[in-house]
Amino acid sequence: GFFQLSAQDPLFQSDEVLSLTLTADWGAVQEDRGSRPVYHDAILSYAGEGGEITEIKAKVKARGNYRKDPFLCQFAPLRMKLSKHVDHPLPFTGQRKLKMVTHCASDEYILREYYLYKLYQKFTNASFLVRLARIEYVDSEGEIDTETHYSFFIEDKDRMAERVGGISIDEDILVESEEVSPAD
């Protein structure tokens, strides 16, 4: 049968599309795509439960391998870090590190990739939880026009490992296919 994923994190308990504004120096973030990009200050804002505007201090940096290449993606995928010393308002309560899949060159493939994650969840509990968002990217320097695009958040690998009773291993460890036996 299909798996029912029980998300402990409020961010992943709903499939409702989040409406967010992310403000940063996008010129600096997108230019910083070398082998060791640094985090840049950002503000994540959205309407709270009662309609009031909620703001969270965040940091963002370019991430990825192929998609970090500016020839492939005009807008690199992001890694977002929220302060660990603050209990953030819903739906980001308990969150610290999140990967974001961004629009790259257009929104065309974002929904396809999001639904592949959702489909994979139907077959195994050992899959990453995702949450779709419509994000307004505001340039803090006022040099880049504001654009709104689909994006989605991916559950942190340590949180996923904890949820499924596994352990997270270093991403730098290379496992060859012949070293792994197929599941029975």
N, C-alpha and C. Protein backbone atom coordinates (compact mmCIF):
# COMPACT_ATOMS: atom_id res chain seq x y z
N GLY A 1 0.81 -1.20 0.00
CA GLY A 1 0.00 0.00 0.00
C GLY A 1 0.84 1.25 0.00
N PHE A 2 0.19 2.38 -0.12
CA PHE A 2 0.90 3.65 -0.09
C PHE A 2 1.26 4.02 1.33
N PHE A 3 2.38 4.73 1.49
CA PHE A 3 2.83 5.19 2.80
C PHE A 3 2.11 6.47 3.17
N GLN A 4 1.85 6.62 4.45
CA GLN A 4 1.37 7.90 4.96
C GLN A 4 2.53 8.53 5.71
N LEU A 5 3.06 9.62 5.22
CA LEU A 5 4.17 10.26 5.89
C LEU A 5 3.65 11.13 7.01
N SER A 6 4.22 10.95 8.19
CA SER A 6 3.81 11.79 9.31
C SER A 6 4.90 12.82 9.56
N ALA A 7 4.64 14.02 9.12
CA ALA A 7 5.62 15.10 9.29
C ALA A 7 5.47 15.70 10.68
N GLN A 8 6.56 15.78 11.40
CA GLN A 8 6.54 16.44 12.71
C GLN A 8 6.65 17.95 12.54
N ASP A 9 7.31 18.36 11.46
CA ASP A 9 7.55 19.78 11.24
C ASP A 9 6.33 20.45 10.62
N PRO A 10 5.85 21.53 11.22
CA PRO A 10 4.68 22.23 10.67
C PRO A 10 4.85 22.63 9.20
N LEU A 11 6.09 22.96 8.80
CA LEU A 11 6.33 23.39 7.43
C LEU A 11 5.87 22.34 6.43
N PHE A 12 6.01 21.06 6.78
CA PHE A 12 5.71 19.98 5.83
C PHE A 12 4.39 19.26 6.12
N GLN A 13 3.59 19.82 7.03
CA GLN A 13 2.31 19.18 7.37
C GLN A 13 1.19 19.57 6.43
N SER A 14 1.46 20.52 5.55
CA SER A 14 0.41 21.00 4.65
C SER A 14 0.95 21.04 3.22
N ASP A 15 0.03 20.89 2.27
CA ASP A 15 0.39 21.03 0.87
C ASP A 15 -0.03 22.39 0.33
N GLU A 16 -0.56 23.24 1.19
CA GLU A 16 -0.98 24.58 0.77
C GLU A 16 0.26 25.35 0.30
N VAL A 17 0.14 26.03 -0.83
CA VAL A 17 1.27 26.79 -1.36
C VAL A 17 1.52 28.01 -0.48
N LEU A 18 2.76 28.13 -0.01
CA LEU A 18 3.14 29.28 0.82
C LEU A 18 3.33 30.50 -0.07
N SER A 19 2.98 31.66 0.45
CA SER A 19 3.21 32.91 -0.25
C SER A 19 4.22 33.71 0.59
N LEU A 20 5.43 33.88 0.05
CA LEU A 20 6.53 34.46 0.82
C LEU A 20 7.22 35.57 0.05
N THR A 21 7.91 36.43 0.80
CA THR A 21 8.80 37.42 0.22
C THR A 21 10.19 37.16 0.79
N LEU A 22 11.18 37.10 -0.09
CA LEU A 22 12.55 36.89 0.35
C LEU A 22 13.38 38.05 -0.17
N THR A 23 13.91 38.82 0.78
CA THR A 23 14.67 40.02 0.44
C THR A 23 16.15 39.80 0.74
N ALA A 24 16.99 40.06 -0.24
CA ALA A 24 18.44 39.92 -0.07
C ALA A 24 19.13 40.72 -1.17
N ASP A 25 20.45 40.80 -1.07
CA ASP A 25 21.23 41.41 -2.14
C ASP A 25 21.43 40.34 -3.20
N TRP A 26 20.45 40.22 -4.11
CA TRP A 26 20.44 39.10 -5.06
C TRP A 26 21.60 39.14 -6.04
N GLY A 27 22.09 40.34 -6.35
CA GLY A 27 23.26 40.44 -7.21
C GLY A 27 24.45 39.74 -6.56
N ALA A 28 24.67 40.02 -5.28
CA ALA A 28 25.79 39.42 -4.54
C ALA A 28 25.60 37.91 -4.37
N VAL A 29 24.36 37.49 -4.05
CA VAL A 29 24.09 36.05 -3.85
C VAL A 29 24.34 35.29 -5.14
N GLN A 30 23.82 35.79 -6.25
CA GLN A 30 23.91 35.07 -7.51
C GLN A 30 25.31 35.12 -8.13
N GLU A 31 26.09 36.14 -7.76
CA GLU A 31 27.47 36.21 -8.26
C GLU A 31 28.38 35.29 -7.46
N ASP A 32 27.98 34.95 -6.24
CA ASP A 32 28.81 34.15 -5.33
C ASP A 32 28.52 32.67 -5.55
N ARG A 33 29.03 32.13 -6.65
CA ARG A 33 28.74 30.75 -7.02
C ARG A 33 30.00 29.90 -7.15
N GLY A 34 31.08 30.34 -6.53
CA GLY A 34 32.32 29.57 -6.62
C GLY A 34 32.23 28.27 -5.84
N SER A 35 33.38 27.67 -5.55
CA SER A 35 33.38 26.38 -4.85
C SER A 35 33.00 26.54 -3.38
N ARG A 36 33.16 27.74 -2.84
CA ARG A 36 32.81 27.96 -1.43
C ARG A 36 31.98 29.24 -1.25
N PRO A 37 30.73 29.23 -1.72
CA PRO A 37 29.90 30.44 -1.54
C PRO A 37 29.64 30.69 -0.06
N VAL A 38 29.47 31.94 0.30
CA VAL A 38 29.20 32.29 1.70
C VAL A 38 27.73 32.67 1.86
N TYR A 39 27.29 32.68 3.11
CA TYR A 39 25.91 33.07 3.40
C TYR A 39 25.76 34.59 3.33
N HIS A 40 24.63 35.04 2.79
CA HIS A 40 24.30 36.45 2.69
C HIS A 40 23.02 36.71 3.50
N ASP A 41 22.96 37.86 4.16
CA ASP A 41 21.79 38.20 4.97
C ASP A 41 20.53 38.30 4.11
N ALA A 42 19.43 37.84 4.69
CA ALA A 42 18.14 37.89 3.99
C ALA A 42 17.04 38.08 5.01
N ILE A 43 15.89 38.49 4.52
CA ILE A 43 14.69 38.60 5.35
C ILE A 43 13.59 37.80 4.68
N LEU A 44 13.02 36.88 5.42
CA LEU A 44 11.90 36.07 4.95
C LEU A 44 10.65 36.67 5.57
N SER A 45 9.69 37.08 4.76
CA SER A 45 8.48 37.68 5.32
C SER A 45 7.24 37.09 4.67
N TYR A 46 6.16 37.04 5.46
CA TYR A 46 4.90 36.45 5.00
C TYR A 46 3.79 36.86 5.95
N ALA A 47 2.56 36.71 5.49
CA ALA A 47 1.39 37.02 6.33
C ALA A 47 1.18 35.87 7.31
N GLY A 48 1.11 36.20 8.59
CA GLY A 48 0.89 35.19 9.63
C GLY A 48 -0.56 34.74 9.68
N GLU A 49 -0.85 33.93 10.70
CA GLU A 49 -2.20 33.35 10.85
C GLU A 49 -3.29 34.43 10.84
N GLY A 50 -3.03 35.54 11.53
CA GLY A 50 -4.05 36.59 11.63
C GLY A 50 -3.88 37.68 10.59
N GLY A 51 -3.04 37.43 9.58
CA GLY A 51 -2.86 38.42 8.53
C GLY A 51 -1.72 39.39 8.77
N GLU A 52 -1.16 39.39 10.00
CA GLU A 52 -0.05 40.30 10.30
C GLU A 52 1.20 39.83 9.57
N ILE A 53 2.05 40.78 9.20
CA ILE A 53 3.28 40.42 8.48
C ILE A 53 4.32 39.90 9.48
N THR A 54 4.82 38.72 9.19
CA THR A 54 5.84 38.08 10.02
C THR A 54 7.17 38.17 9.28
N GLU A 55 8.22 38.55 10.00
CA GLU A 55 9.55 38.63 9.40
C GLU A 55 10.52 37.74 10.16
N ILE A 56 11.33 37.00 9.42
CA ILE A 56 12.34 36.14 10.02
C ILE A 56 13.68 36.50 9.40
N LYS A 57 14.69 36.71 10.26
CA LYS A 57 16.05 36.93 9.75
C LYS A 57 16.59 35.60 9.25
N ALA A 58 17.15 35.62 8.06
CA ALA A 58 17.67 34.39 7.47
C ALA A 58 19.00 34.69 6.79
N LYS A 59 19.65 33.64 6.33
CA LYS A 59 20.85 33.76 5.51
C LYS A 59 20.67 32.81 4.33
N VAL A 60 21.12 33.23 3.16
CA VAL A 60 20.99 32.39 1.96
C VAL A 60 22.31 32.35 1.21
N LYS A 61 22.54 31.23 0.54
CA LYS A 61 23.70 31.13 -0.35
C LYS A 61 23.37 30.20 -1.50
N ALA A 62 24.10 30.38 -2.60
CA ALA A 62 23.93 29.49 -3.76
C ALA A 62 24.40 28.10 -3.37
N ARG A 63 23.74 27.08 -3.91
CA ARG A 63 24.13 25.70 -3.64
C ARG A 63 24.01 24.90 -4.93
N GLY A 64 24.35 23.63 -4.85
CA GLY A 64 24.16 22.75 -6.00
C GLY A 64 25.47 22.48 -6.73
N ASN A 65 25.38 21.58 -7.67
CA ASN A 65 26.53 21.24 -8.51
C ASN A 65 26.32 21.81 -9.90
N TYR A 66 25.53 21.11 -10.70
CA TYR A 66 25.28 21.56 -12.08
C TYR A 66 24.51 22.87 -12.11
N ARG A 67 23.48 22.97 -11.25
CA ARG A 67 22.62 24.15 -11.32
C ARG A 67 23.26 25.41 -10.73
N LYS A 68 24.43 25.24 -10.12
CA LYS A 68 25.15 26.42 -9.64
C LYS A 68 25.87 27.11 -10.81
N ASP A 69 25.97 26.41 -11.93
CA ASP A 69 26.63 26.95 -13.12
C ASP A 69 25.75 28.05 -13.72
N PRO A 70 26.26 29.29 -13.81
CA PRO A 70 25.45 30.40 -14.33
C PRO A 70 25.01 30.22 -15.78
N PHE A 71 25.72 29.38 -16.54
CA PHE A 71 25.30 29.12 -17.92
C PHE A 71 24.06 28.24 -17.96
N LEU A 72 23.89 27.44 -16.92
CA LEU A 72 22.74 26.55 -16.84
C LEU A 72 21.57 27.24 -16.14
N CYS A 73 21.85 27.92 -15.03
CA CYS A 73 20.80 28.57 -14.24
C CYS A 73 21.12 30.04 -14.01
N GLN A 74 20.20 30.89 -14.45
CA GLN A 74 20.36 32.32 -14.15
C GLN A 74 20.21 32.57 -12.66
N PHE A 75 19.36 31.77 -12.01
CA PHE A 75 19.10 31.94 -10.58
C PHE A 75 19.39 30.60 -9.90
N ALA A 76 20.49 30.54 -9.16
CA ALA A 76 20.95 29.28 -8.57
C ALA A 76 20.00 28.78 -7.48
N PRO A 77 19.98 27.45 -7.25
CA PRO A 77 19.26 26.93 -6.08
C PRO A 77 19.89 27.53 -4.82
N LEU A 78 19.14 27.55 -3.75
CA LEU A 78 19.61 28.20 -2.52
C LEU A 78 19.63 27.24 -1.33
N ARG A 79 20.51 27.56 -0.41
CA ARG A 79 20.46 26.95 0.92
C ARG A 79 20.10 28.09 1.87
N MET A 80 19.08 27.87 2.69
CA MET A 80 18.64 28.89 3.63
C MET A 80 18.93 28.43 5.05
N LYS A 81 19.44 29.36 5.84
CA LYS A 81 19.73 29.06 7.25
C LYS A 81 18.97 30.06 8.10
N LEU A 82 18.24 29.55 9.09
CA LEU A 82 17.52 30.39 10.04
C LEU A 82 18.23 30.31 11.38
N SER A 83 18.13 31.35 12.18
CA SER A 83 18.81 31.37 13.48
C SER A 83 18.38 30.18 14.33
N LYS A 84 19.36 29.54 14.98
CA LYS A 84 19.02 28.38 15.82
C LYS A 84 18.62 28.79 17.23
N HIS A 85 18.78 30.06 17.56
CA HIS A 85 18.47 30.50 18.91
C HIS A 85 17.09 31.12 19.04
N VAL A 86 16.30 30.99 17.98
CA VAL A 86 14.97 31.61 17.97
C VAL A 86 13.92 30.55 17.65
N ASP A 87 12.80 30.59 18.38
CA ASP A 87 11.69 29.69 18.02
C ASP A 87 10.85 30.43 17.00
N HIS A 88 11.04 30.09 15.74
CA HIS A 88 10.42 30.85 14.65
C HIS A 88 8.92 30.64 14.61
N PRO A 89 8.19 31.66 14.13
CA PRO A 89 6.74 31.52 14.01
C PRO A 89 6.36 30.48 12.96
N LEU A 90 5.13 29.98 13.05
CA LEU A 90 4.62 29.01 12.07
C LEU A 90 4.67 29.62 10.67
N PRO A 91 4.89 28.84 9.64
CA PRO A 91 5.11 27.40 9.64
C PRO A 91 6.58 27.01 9.78
N PHE A 92 7.46 27.97 10.08
CA PHE A 92 8.89 27.69 10.12
C PHE A 92 9.39 27.29 11.51
N THR A 93 8.47 27.04 12.42
CA THR A 93 8.83 26.61 13.77
C THR A 93 9.72 25.37 13.71
N GLY A 94 10.84 25.42 14.40
CA GLY A 94 11.73 24.27 14.47
C GLY A 94 12.70 24.13 13.32
N GLN A 95 12.58 24.99 12.32
CA GLN A 95 13.47 24.87 11.16
C GLN A 95 14.80 25.58 11.40
N ARG A 96 15.86 25.03 10.84
CA ARG A 96 17.20 25.62 10.95
C ARG A 96 17.86 25.73 9.58
N LYS A 97 17.91 24.60 8.84
CA LYS A 97 18.56 24.57 7.52
C LYS A 97 17.59 23.99 6.51
N LEU A 98 17.45 24.66 5.39
CA LEU A 98 16.55 24.18 4.34
C LEU A 98 17.19 24.38 2.98
N LYS A 99 17.05 23.38 2.12
CA LYS A 99 17.43 23.55 0.73
C LYS A 99 16.22 24.12 0.00
N MET A 100 16.48 24.98 -0.98
CA MET A 100 15.42 25.52 -1.81
C MET A 100 15.73 25.19 -3.26
N VAL A 101 14.75 24.63 -3.96
CA VAL A 101 14.85 24.44 -5.39
C VAL A 101 14.18 25.67 -6.01
N THR A 102 14.94 26.41 -6.79
CA THR A 102 14.45 27.67 -7.34
C THR A 102 14.18 27.55 -8.84
N HIS A 103 13.74 28.65 -9.43
CA HIS A 103 13.25 28.63 -10.81
C HIS A 103 14.34 28.52 -11.87
N CYS A 104 15.60 28.59 -11.49
CA CYS A 104 16.72 28.37 -12.42
C CYS A 104 16.65 29.35 -13.60
N ALA A 105 16.07 28.96 -14.69
CA ALA A 105 15.92 29.85 -15.84
C ALA A 105 14.46 30.20 -16.08
N SER A 106 13.55 29.34 -15.60
CA SER A 106 12.11 29.60 -15.73
C SER A 106 11.38 28.74 -14.71
N ASP A 107 10.08 28.95 -14.58
CA ASP A 107 9.28 28.16 -13.62
C ASP A 107 8.86 26.81 -14.18
N GLU A 108 9.14 26.57 -15.44
CA GLU A 108 8.57 25.42 -16.14
C GLU A 108 8.80 24.08 -15.45
N TYR A 109 10.02 23.88 -14.94
CA TYR A 109 10.35 22.56 -14.41
C TYR A 109 10.16 22.43 -12.89
N ILE A 110 9.93 23.54 -12.22
CA ILE A 110 9.79 23.51 -10.76
C ILE A 110 8.64 22.59 -10.33
N LEU A 111 7.48 22.78 -10.93
CA LEU A 111 6.31 21.97 -10.52
C LEU A 111 6.52 20.50 -10.85
N ARG A 112 7.16 20.22 -11.99
CA ARG A 112 7.44 18.83 -12.35
C ARG A 112 8.34 18.17 -11.29
N GLU A 113 9.38 18.90 -10.90
CA GLU A 113 10.31 18.34 -9.91
C GLU A 113 9.63 18.18 -8.56
N TYR A 114 8.82 19.16 -8.18
CA TYR A 114 8.07 19.09 -6.91
C TYR A 114 7.17 17.85 -6.89
N TYR A 115 6.43 17.63 -7.98
CA TYR A 115 5.51 16.49 -8.02
C TYR A 115 6.24 15.16 -8.05
N LEU A 116 7.46 15.14 -8.57
CA LEU A 116 8.26 13.91 -8.50
C LEU A 116 8.59 13.57 -7.05
N TYR A 117 8.94 14.57 -6.26
CA TYR A 117 9.17 14.34 -4.83
C TYR A 117 7.90 13.81 -4.17
N LYS A 118 6.76 14.43 -4.48
CA LYS A 118 5.49 14.02 -3.89
C LYS A 118 5.14 12.58 -4.31
N LEU A 119 5.41 12.24 -5.56
CA LEU A 119 5.14 10.89 -6.05
C LEU A 119 6.02 9.88 -5.34
N TYR A 120 7.29 10.20 -5.18
CA TYR A 120 8.23 9.30 -4.50
C TYR A 120 7.77 9.00 -3.07
N GLN A 121 7.16 10.00 -2.42
CA GLN A 121 6.65 9.81 -1.05
C GLN A 121 5.57 8.73 -0.99
N LYS A 122 4.89 8.51 -2.10
CA LYS A 122 3.84 7.48 -2.12
C LYS A 122 4.42 6.08 -2.02
N PHE A 123 5.69 5.93 -2.37
CA PHE A 123 6.30 4.61 -2.43
C PHE A 123 7.24 4.30 -1.28
N THR A 124 7.77 5.33 -0.64
CA THR A 124 8.68 5.06 0.48
C THR A 124 8.65 6.18 1.50
N ASN A 125 8.75 5.76 2.74
CA ASN A 125 8.84 6.70 3.85
C ASN A 125 10.20 7.40 3.84
N ALA A 126 11.21 6.72 3.28
CA ALA A 126 12.57 7.26 3.23
C ALA A 126 12.70 8.22 2.05
N SER A 127 11.89 9.25 2.07
CA SER A 127 11.91 10.26 1.02
C SER A 127 11.84 11.63 1.68
N PHE A 128 12.38 12.61 0.99
CA PHE A 128 12.38 13.96 1.55
C PHE A 128 11.00 14.60 1.44
N LEU A 129 10.60 15.29 2.51
CA LEU A 129 9.36 16.06 2.49
C LEU A 129 9.64 17.39 1.79
N VAL A 130 8.64 17.91 1.09
CA VAL A 130 8.80 19.15 0.34
C VAL A 130 7.59 20.06 0.57
N ARG A 131 7.79 21.36 0.38
CA ARG A 131 6.69 22.32 0.50
C ARG A 131 6.83 23.38 -0.58
N LEU A 132 5.80 23.50 -1.38
CA LEU A 132 5.80 24.44 -2.49
C LEU A 132 5.54 25.87 -2.00
N ALA A 133 6.20 26.83 -2.62
CA ALA A 133 6.02 28.23 -2.26
C ALA A 133 6.01 29.09 -3.51
N ARG A 134 5.34 30.21 -3.41
CA ARG A 134 5.37 31.24 -4.44
C ARG A 134 6.17 32.36 -3.78
N ILE A 135 7.35 32.64 -4.29
CA ILE A 135 8.26 33.57 -3.61
C ILE A 135 8.49 34.83 -4.44
N GLU A 136 8.31 35.96 -3.76
CA GLU A 136 8.61 37.26 -4.34
C GLU A 136 10.04 37.59 -3.92
N TYR A 137 10.94 37.66 -4.89
CA TYR A 137 12.35 37.95 -4.62
C TYR A 137 12.57 39.46 -4.75
N VAL A 138 12.86 40.09 -3.60
CA VAL A 138 13.06 41.53 -3.57
C VAL A 138 14.55 41.81 -3.36
N ASP A 139 15.11 42.65 -4.22
CA ASP A 139 16.53 42.99 -4.09
C ASP A 139 16.70 44.10 -3.07
N SER A 140 17.47 43.83 -2.00
CA SER A 140 17.66 44.81 -0.93
C SER A 140 18.41 46.05 -1.42
N GLU A 141 19.15 45.92 -2.52
CA GLU A 141 19.91 47.05 -3.07
C GLU A 141 19.10 47.86 -4.08
N GLY A 142 17.92 47.34 -4.45
CA GLY A 142 17.07 48.04 -5.41
C GLY A 142 17.62 48.07 -6.82
N GLU A 143 18.59 47.18 -7.11
CA GLU A 143 19.22 47.17 -8.43
C GLU A 143 18.60 46.15 -9.39
N ILE A 144 17.90 45.17 -8.82
CA ILE A 144 17.31 44.11 -9.63
C ILE A 144 15.80 44.16 -9.45
N ASP A 145 15.07 44.07 -10.55
CA ASP A 145 13.60 44.11 -10.47
C ASP A 145 13.07 42.96 -9.63
N THR A 146 12.01 43.23 -8.88
CA THR A 146 11.35 42.20 -8.09
C THR A 146 10.69 41.19 -9.03
N GLU A 147 10.90 39.92 -8.75
CA GLU A 147 10.29 38.85 -9.55
C GLU A 147 9.64 37.85 -8.61
N THR A 148 8.54 37.23 -9.07
CA THR A 148 7.86 36.21 -8.28
C THR A 148 7.92 34.89 -9.03
N HIS A 149 8.34 33.83 -8.33
CA HIS A 149 8.51 32.53 -8.96
C HIS A 149 8.12 31.40 -8.00
N TYR A 150 7.81 30.24 -8.56
CA TYR A 150 7.63 29.05 -7.74
C TYR A 150 9.00 28.57 -7.26
N SER A 151 8.98 27.97 -6.08
CA SER A 151 10.16 27.38 -5.48
C SER A 151 9.64 26.31 -4.53
N PHE A 152 10.51 25.42 -4.09
CA PHE A 152 10.07 24.56 -2.99
C PHE A 152 11.19 24.28 -2.02
N PHE A 153 10.78 24.08 -0.76
CA PHE A 153 11.70 23.76 0.32
C PHE A 153 11.82 22.26 0.43
N ILE A 154 13.03 21.78 0.72
CA ILE A 154 13.27 20.36 0.93
C ILE A 154 13.68 20.16 2.39
N GLU A 155 13.07 19.18 3.02
CA GLU A 155 13.38 18.81 4.40
C GLU A 155 14.90 18.63 4.58
N ASP A 156 15.42 19.10 5.70
CA ASP A 156 16.83 18.93 6.02
C ASP A 156 17.17 17.44 6.16
N LYS A 157 18.33 17.03 5.65
CA LYS A 157 18.68 15.60 5.63
C LYS A 157 18.79 15.01 7.03
N ASP A 158 19.23 15.80 8.01
CA ASP A 158 19.31 15.28 9.38
C ASP A 158 17.92 15.05 9.96
N ARG A 159 16.97 15.95 9.63
CA ARG A 159 15.59 15.80 10.10
C ARG A 159 14.94 14.58 9.44
N MET A 160 15.23 14.38 8.15
CA MET A 160 14.68 13.23 7.45
C MET A 160 15.22 11.94 8.06
N ALA A 161 16.52 11.90 8.31
CA ALA A 161 17.14 10.71 8.90
C ALA A 161 16.51 10.39 10.26
N GLU A 162 16.30 11.43 11.05
CA GLU A 162 15.68 11.26 12.37
C GLU A 162 14.25 10.73 12.24
N ARG A 163 13.52 11.25 11.26
CA ARG A 163 12.12 10.86 11.06
C ARG A 163 11.98 9.40 10.66
N VAL A 164 12.92 8.91 9.84
CA VAL A 164 12.80 7.54 9.35
C VAL A 164 13.66 6.55 10.13
N GLY A 165 14.31 7.03 11.21
CA GLY A 165 15.11 6.13 12.03
C GLY A 165 16.42 5.74 11.39
N GLY A 166 16.98 6.65 10.58
CA GLY A 166 18.26 6.38 9.93
C GLY A 166 19.32 7.33 10.42
N ILE A 167 20.46 7.33 9.76
CA ILE A 167 21.51 8.29 10.08
C ILE A 167 21.90 8.99 8.80
N SER A 168 22.32 10.23 8.94
CA SER A 168 22.75 11.03 7.79
C SER A 168 24.25 10.84 7.62
N ILE A 169 24.68 10.47 6.40
CA ILE A 169 26.12 10.32 6.16
C ILE A 169 26.64 11.50 5.37
N ASP A 170 27.94 11.72 5.44
CA ASP A 170 28.59 12.84 4.77
C ASP A 170 28.32 12.76 3.26
N GLU A 171 27.93 13.89 2.68
CA GLU A 171 27.65 13.93 1.24
C GLU A 171 28.87 13.63 0.39
N ASP A 172 30.07 13.79 0.97
CA ASP A 172 31.29 13.59 0.20
C ASP A 172 31.66 12.12 0.04
N ILE A 173 30.97 11.24 0.76
CA ILE A 173 31.26 9.81 0.63
C ILE A 173 30.66 9.30 -0.67
N LEU A 174 31.51 8.70 -1.50
CA LEU A 174 31.06 8.21 -2.80
C LEU A 174 30.80 6.72 -2.70
N VAL A 175 29.59 6.29 -2.99
CA VAL A 175 29.23 4.87 -2.97
C VAL A 175 28.99 4.44 -4.41
N GLU A 176 29.79 3.46 -4.85
CA GLU A 176 29.65 2.94 -6.21
C GLU A 176 28.49 1.95 -6.26
N SER A 177 27.83 1.87 -7.42
CA SER A 177 26.65 1.01 -7.54
C SER A 177 26.97 -0.45 -7.26
N GLU A 178 28.18 -0.90 -7.62
CA GLU A 178 28.51 -2.31 -7.38
C GLU A 178 28.73 -2.63 -5.89
N GLU A 179 28.86 -1.60 -5.06
CA GLU A 179 29.03 -1.81 -3.63
C GLU A 179 27.69 -1.99 -2.92
N VAL A 180 26.59 -1.77 -3.62
CA VAL A 180 25.27 -1.80 -3.01
C VAL A 180 24.45 -2.94 -3.59
N SER A 181 23.83 -3.73 -2.70
CA SER A 181 22.98 -4.80 -3.21
C SER A 181 21.54 -4.31 -3.27
N PRO A 182 20.80 -4.71 -4.31
CA PRO A 182 19.41 -4.25 -4.40
C PRO A 182 18.58 -4.81 -3.24
N ALA A 183 17.57 -4.04 -2.82
CA ALA A 183 16.70 -4.47 -1.73
C ALA A 183 15.88 -5.68 -2.18
N ASP A 184 15.66 -6.59 -1.27
CA ASP A 184 14.85 -7.78 -1.60
C ASP A 184 13.37 -7.46 -1.57
